Amino acid sequence: MEVYFYTRTKCELCEEGKLLLQLLQKDYPFDIIEKDIDASDELTERFGLMIPVVEMNGEIIQYGQIDLVSLEEILKESLK
């Protein structure tokens, strides 16, 4: 499974969110596809005020402050 992680440079919430995703990768099989929204006007317009954003199966599952417990629950359900 692929998890898209929308981020930008110099974003502390993004760094924290990426660490949480990497932590979950130790227990669940998924790939993190990181996208810098500053590289695309479309992504900047779509996610500018929301980052970081975690997206799975075309659905935004979390944004802003990433919550480890909630994210783990969603991953468990998705990987059944």
C-alpha atoms as a PDB file:
ATOM      1  CA  MET A   1       0.000   0.000   0.000  1.00  0.00           C
ATOM      2  CA  GLU A   2       1.137   3.554  -0.693  1.00  0.00           C
ATOM      3  CA  VAL A   3       0.628   6.432   1.707  1.00  0.00           C
ATOM      4  CA  TYR A   4       1.061   9.905   0.250  1.00  0.00           C
ATOM      5  CA  PHE A   5       2.578  12.470   2.586  1.00  0.00           C
ATOM      6  CA  TYR A   6       2.261  16.084   1.452  1.00  0.00           C
ATOM      7  CA  THR A   7       4.806  18.371   3.063  1.00  0.00           C
ATOM      8  CA  ARG A   8       7.073  21.375   2.540  1.00  0.00           C
ATOM      9  CA  THR A   9      10.533  22.374   3.698  1.00  0.00           C
ATOM     10  CA  LYS A  10      11.063  24.043   7.066  1.00  0.00           C
ATOM     11  CA  CYS A  11       7.824  22.617   8.470  1.00  0.00           C
ATOM     12  CA  GLU A  12       8.135  21.228  11.999  1.00  0.00           C
ATOM     13  CA  LEU A  13       4.729  19.537  11.900  1.00  0.00           C
ATOM     14  CA  CYS A  14       5.802  17.842   8.665  1.00  0.00           C
ATOM     15  CA  GLU A  15       9.005  16.534  10.239  1.00  0.00           C
ATOM     16  CA  GLU A  16       7.059  15.184  13.225  1.00  0.00           C
ATOM     17  CA  GLY A  17       4.446  13.607  10.949  1.00  0.00           C
ATOM     18  CA  LYS A  18       7.100  11.902   8.838  1.00  0.00           C
ATOM     19  CA  LEU A  19       8.707  10.431  11.952  1.00  0.00           C
ATOM     20  CA  LEU A  20       5.328   9.040  13.050  1.00  0.00           C
ATOM     21  CA  LEU A  21       4.771   7.465   9.619  1.00  0.00           C
ATOM     22  CA  GLN A  22       8.240   5.926   9.700  1.00  0.00           C
ATOM     23  CA  LEU A  23       7.529   4.562  13.175  1.00  0.00           C
ATOM     24  CA  LEU A  24       4.324   2.910  11.917  1.00  0.00           C
ATOM     25  CA  GLN A  25       6.199   1.454   8.932  1.00  0.00           C
ATOM     26  CA  LYS A  26       8.035  -0.818  11.355  1.00  0.00           C
ATOM     27  CA  ASP A  27       4.758  -2.607  12.148  1.00  0.00           C
ATOM     28  CA  TYR A  28       2.705  -2.164   8.967  1.00  0.00           C
ATOM     29  CA  PRO A  29       3.673  -2.767   5.321  1.00  0.00           C
ATOM     30  CA  PHE A  30       3.260   0.508   3.413  1.00  0.00           C
ATOM     31  CA  ASP A  31       5.374   2.865   1.340  1.00  0.00           C
ATOM     32  CA  ILE A  32       5.583   6.580   2.050  1.00  0.00           C
ATOM     33  CA  ILE A  33       5.403   8.715  -1.087  1.00  0.00           C
ATOM     34  CA  GLU A  34       6.526  12.171  -0.003  1.00  0.00           C
ATOM     35  CA  LYS A  35       5.421  15.162  -2.080  1.00  0.00           C
ATOM     36  CA  ASP A  36       6.724  18.695  -1.553  1.00  0.00           C
ATOM     37  CA  ILE A  37       3.746  20.953  -2.228  1.00  0.00           C
ATOM     38  CA  ASP A  38       6.041  23.872  -3.054  1.00  0.00           C
ATOM     39  CA  ALA A  39       7.113  22.029  -6.214  1.00  0.00           C
ATOM     40  CA  SER A  40       3.616  22.322  -7.680  1.00  0.00           C
ATOM     41  CA  ASP A  41       1.209  25.251  -7.875  1.00  0.00           C
ATOM     42  CA  GLU A  42      -1.689  22.791  -7.907  1.00  0.00           C
ATOM     43  CA  LEU A  43      -0.520  21.061  -4.705  1.00  0.00           C
ATOM     44  CA  THR A  44       0.203  24.396  -3.019  1.00  0.00           C
ATOM     45  CA  GLU A  45      -3.305  25.589  -3.831  1.00  0.00           C
ATOM     46  CA  ARG A  46      -4.853  22.314  -2.691  1.00  0.00           C
ATOM     47  CA  PHE A  47      -2.894  21.771   0.542  1.00  0.00           C
ATOM     48  CA  GLY A  48      -1.252  25.120   1.375  1.00  0.00           C
ATOM     49  CA  LEU A  49      -2.855  25.643   4.786  1.00  0.00           C
ATOM     50  CA  MET A  50      -3.371  21.983   5.649  1.00  0.00           C
ATOM     51  CA  ILE A  51       0.124  20.496   5.649  1.00  0.00           C
ATOM     52  CA  PRO A  52       1.234  17.995   6.577  1.00  0.00           C
ATOM     53  CA  VAL A  53      -1.373  15.861   4.861  1.00  0.00           C
ATOM     54  CA  VAL A  54      -1.608  12.050   4.921  1.00  0.00           C
ATOM     55  CA  GLU A  55      -3.572  10.486   2.064  1.00  0.00           C
ATOM     56  CA  MET A  56      -4.422   6.821   1.465  1.00  0.00           C
ATOM     57  CA  ASN A  57      -6.482   5.341  -1.343  1.00  0.00           C
ATOM     58  CA  GLY A  58      -7.244   8.833  -2.665  1.00  0.00           C
ATOM     59  CA  GLU A  59      -8.698   9.960   0.667  1.00  0.00           C
ATOM     60  CA  ILE A  60      -7.206  12.499   3.077  1.00  0.00           C
ATOM     61  CA  ILE A  61      -7.051  10.707   6.400  1.00  0.00           C
ATOM     62  CA  GLN A  62      -5.224  13.311   8.494  1.00  0.00           C
ATOM     63  CA  TYR A  63      -3.780  16.778   8.175  1.00  0.00           C
ATOM     64  CA  GLY A  64      -2.141  19.375  10.383  1.00  0.00           C
ATOM     65  CA  GLN A  65      -1.224  17.783  13.699  1.00  0.00           C
ATOM     66  CA  ILE A  66      -0.810  14.068  12.913  1.00  0.00           C
ATOM     67  CA  ASP A  67      -2.159  11.747  15.617  1.00  0.00           C
ATOM     68  CA  LEU A  68      -0.288   8.441  15.946  1.00  0.00           C
ATOM     69  CA  VAL A  69      -3.117   6.480  17.587  1.00  0.00           C
ATOM     70  CA  SER A  70      -5.758   7.507  15.030  1.00  0.00           C
ATOM     71  CA  LEU A  71      -3.381   6.945  12.129  1.00  0.00           C
ATOM     72  CA  GLU A  72      -2.533   3.463  13.391  1.00  0.00           C
ATOM     73  CA  GLU A  73      -6.233   2.566  13.654  1.00  0.00           C
ATOM     74  CA  ILE A  74      -6.819   3.677  10.072  1.00  0.00           C
ATOM     75  CA  LEU A  75      -3.808   1.682   8.846  1.00  0.00           C
ATOM     76  CA  LYS A  76      -5.000  -1.447  10.667  1.00  0.00           C
ATOM     77  CA  GLU A  77      -8.420  -1.189   9.011  1.00  0.00           C
ATOM     78  CA  SER A  78      -6.948  -0.515   5.575  1.00  0.00           C
ATOM     79  CA  LEU A  79      -4.572  -3.478   5.724  1.00  0.00           C
ATOM     80  CA  LYS A  80      -7.180  -6.085   6.723  1.00  0.00           C
END
